[in-house]
Amino acid sequence: QVQLVESGGGLVQAGGSLKLSCAASGNIFIFSSNTMAWYRQAPGKQRELVATITSSGGTNYADSVKGRFTISRDSAKNTMYLQMNSLKPEDTAIYYCCLPRYVYWGQGTQVTVSS
């Protein structure tokens, strides 16, 4: 089993930046050998996929964040990151990290972007 804990959320003005972290513990082999993902859920909306990163570092992004967000992972630290630049009010959501293959989720971290 893997436990995931997000951090780094907060309140930021439009155009600003935040860096989210997702720290993994437990069965670290599962974390390091599988694709990881960031999702987000805005008030009144369905949870949506933001970005994914494979075990070898391959990445994919939702069109809405492409060019502004960067997903990365550090296997030595058992941590995944989401660097968010040029933030917009529509990026306001709870951000969750996820290990999709085993359906492990973190508790989420709130990101609020003011206009």
Protein backbone atom coordinates (compact mmCIF):
# COMPACT_ATOMS: atom_id res chain seq x y z
CA GLN A 1 0.00 0.00 0.00
CA VAL A 2 1.05 3.60 -0.65
CA GLN A 3 0.12 6.72 1.30
CA LEU A 4 0.09 10.02 -0.57
CA VAL A 5 0.22 13.43 1.10
CA GLU A 6 -0.11 16.67 -0.87
CA SER A 7 1.20 20.04 0.23
CA GLY A 8 1.94 23.46 -1.20
CA GLY A 9 -1.51 24.78 -1.91
CA GLY A 10 -2.62 28.26 -0.95
CA LEU A 11 -3.99 31.59 -2.09
CA VAL A 12 -2.27 33.36 -4.97
CA GLN A 13 -3.11 36.23 -7.30
CA ALA A 14 -3.75 35.64 -10.97
CA GLY A 15 -0.48 35.39 -12.85
CA GLY A 16 1.32 33.98 -9.84
CA SER A 17 2.92 30.61 -9.22
CA LEU A 18 2.64 27.71 -6.80
CA LYS A 19 4.48 24.41 -6.50
CA LEU A 20 2.57 21.42 -5.19
CA SER A 21 4.26 18.39 -3.70
CA CYS A 22 2.99 14.84 -3.26
CA ALA A 23 5.02 12.77 -0.80
CA ALA A 24 4.70 9.00 -0.97
CA SER A 25 5.28 6.52 1.83
CA GLY A 26 4.67 2.83 2.33
CA ASN A 27 5.47 0.59 -0.63
CA ILE A 28 7.86 2.93 -2.39
CA PHE A 29 8.52 0.43 -5.19
CA ILE A 30 4.91 0.81 -6.27
CA PHE A 31 5.33 4.59 -6.33
CA SER A 32 8.58 4.58 -8.27
CA SER A 33 7.53 1.98 -10.84
CA ASN A 34 4.12 3.35 -11.81
CA THR A 35 2.57 6.32 -13.56
CA MET A 36 1.46 9.07 -11.22
CA ALA A 37 -1.10 11.78 -11.83
CA TRP A 38 -2.43 15.10 -10.61
CA TYR A 39 -6.19 15.68 -10.67
CA ARG A 40 -8.24 18.68 -9.60
CA GLN A 41 -11.83 19.31 -8.64
CA ALA A 42 -13.39 22.75 -8.74
CA PRO A 43 -16.57 23.56 -6.79
CA GLY A 44 -19.60 22.08 -8.51
CA LYS A 45 -17.52 20.33 -11.15
CA GLN A 46 -16.28 16.80 -11.77
CA ARG A 47 -12.75 15.80 -10.91
CA GLU A 48 -10.52 16.25 -13.95
CA LEU A 49 -7.10 14.99 -14.95
CA VAL A 50 -4.43 17.70 -14.96
CA ALA A 51 -1.21 15.86 -15.76
CA THR A 52 0.47 12.46 -15.71
CA ILE A 53 4.05 11.28 -15.45
CA THR A 54 5.31 7.80 -16.17
CA SER A 55 7.97 5.96 -14.19
CA SER A 56 10.51 6.95 -16.86
CA GLY A 57 9.50 10.61 -16.84
CA GLY A 58 7.16 10.82 -19.81
CA THR A 59 4.53 13.52 -19.32
CA ASN A 60 1.09 14.48 -20.56
CA TYR A 61 -1.04 17.52 -19.78
CA ALA A 62 -4.62 18.65 -20.08
CA ASP A 63 -4.98 21.27 -22.80
CA SER A 64 -6.11 23.81 -20.21
CA VAL A 65 -2.74 23.72 -18.39
CA LYS A 66 -0.33 22.93 -21.21
CA GLY A 67 2.53 25.40 -21.28
CA ARG A 68 1.77 26.68 -17.77
CA PHE A 69 2.10 23.60 -15.52
CA THR A 70 5.01 21.19 -15.22
CA ILE A 71 4.78 17.76 -13.59
CA SER A 72 7.91 16.08 -12.29
CA ARG A 73 9.01 13.40 -9.86
CA ASP A 74 12.04 12.72 -7.70
CA SER A 75 12.37 9.01 -6.99
CA ALA A 76 15.16 9.60 -4.46
CA LYS A 77 12.75 11.72 -2.40
CA ASN A 78 9.66 9.62 -3.20
CA THR A 79 7.93 12.84 -4.20
CA MET A 80 5.99 14.14 -7.19
CA TYR A 81 5.59 17.82 -7.98
CA LEU A 82 3.36 20.15 -9.94
CA GLN A 83 4.85 23.53 -10.79
CA MET A 84 2.01 25.89 -11.67
CA ASN A 85 2.82 29.18 -13.39
CA SER A 86 0.65 31.92 -14.88
CA LEU A 87 -2.20 30.84 -12.67
CA LYS A 88 -5.74 31.83 -13.58
CA PRO A 89 -8.89 32.08 -11.45
CA GLU A 90 -10.24 29.04 -13.29
CA ASP A 91 -7.37 26.99 -11.84
CA THR A 92 -9.01 27.32 -8.43
CA ALA A 93 -9.69 23.78 -7.18
CA ILE A 94 -8.67 21.09 -4.77
CA TYR A 95 -5.66 19.33 -6.27
CA TYR A 96 -5.17 15.62 -5.67
CA CYS A 97 -2.27 13.33 -6.40
CA CYS A 98 -3.11 9.83 -7.52
CA LEU A 99 -1.51 6.51 -8.31
CA PRO A 100 -4.05 5.42 -10.91
CA ARG A 101 -3.14 1.75 -11.29
CA TYR A 102 -3.93 1.04 -7.64
CA VAL A 103 -6.43 3.87 -7.15
CA TYR A 104 -4.47 5.48 -4.34
CA TRP A 105 -5.42 9.10 -3.63
CA GLY A 106 -4.07 11.83 -1.41
CA GLN A 107 -6.32 13.99 0.73
CA GLY A 108 -6.01 17.02 -1.55
CA THR A 109 -4.65 20.53 -1.22
CA GLN A 110 -6.64 23.70 -1.91
CA VAL A 111 -5.44 26.13 -4.57
CA THR A 112 -7.25 29.45 -4.80
CA VAL A 113 -6.40 31.99 -7.48
CA SER A 114 -7.81 35.49 -7.01
CA SER A 115 -8.48 37.84 -9.90
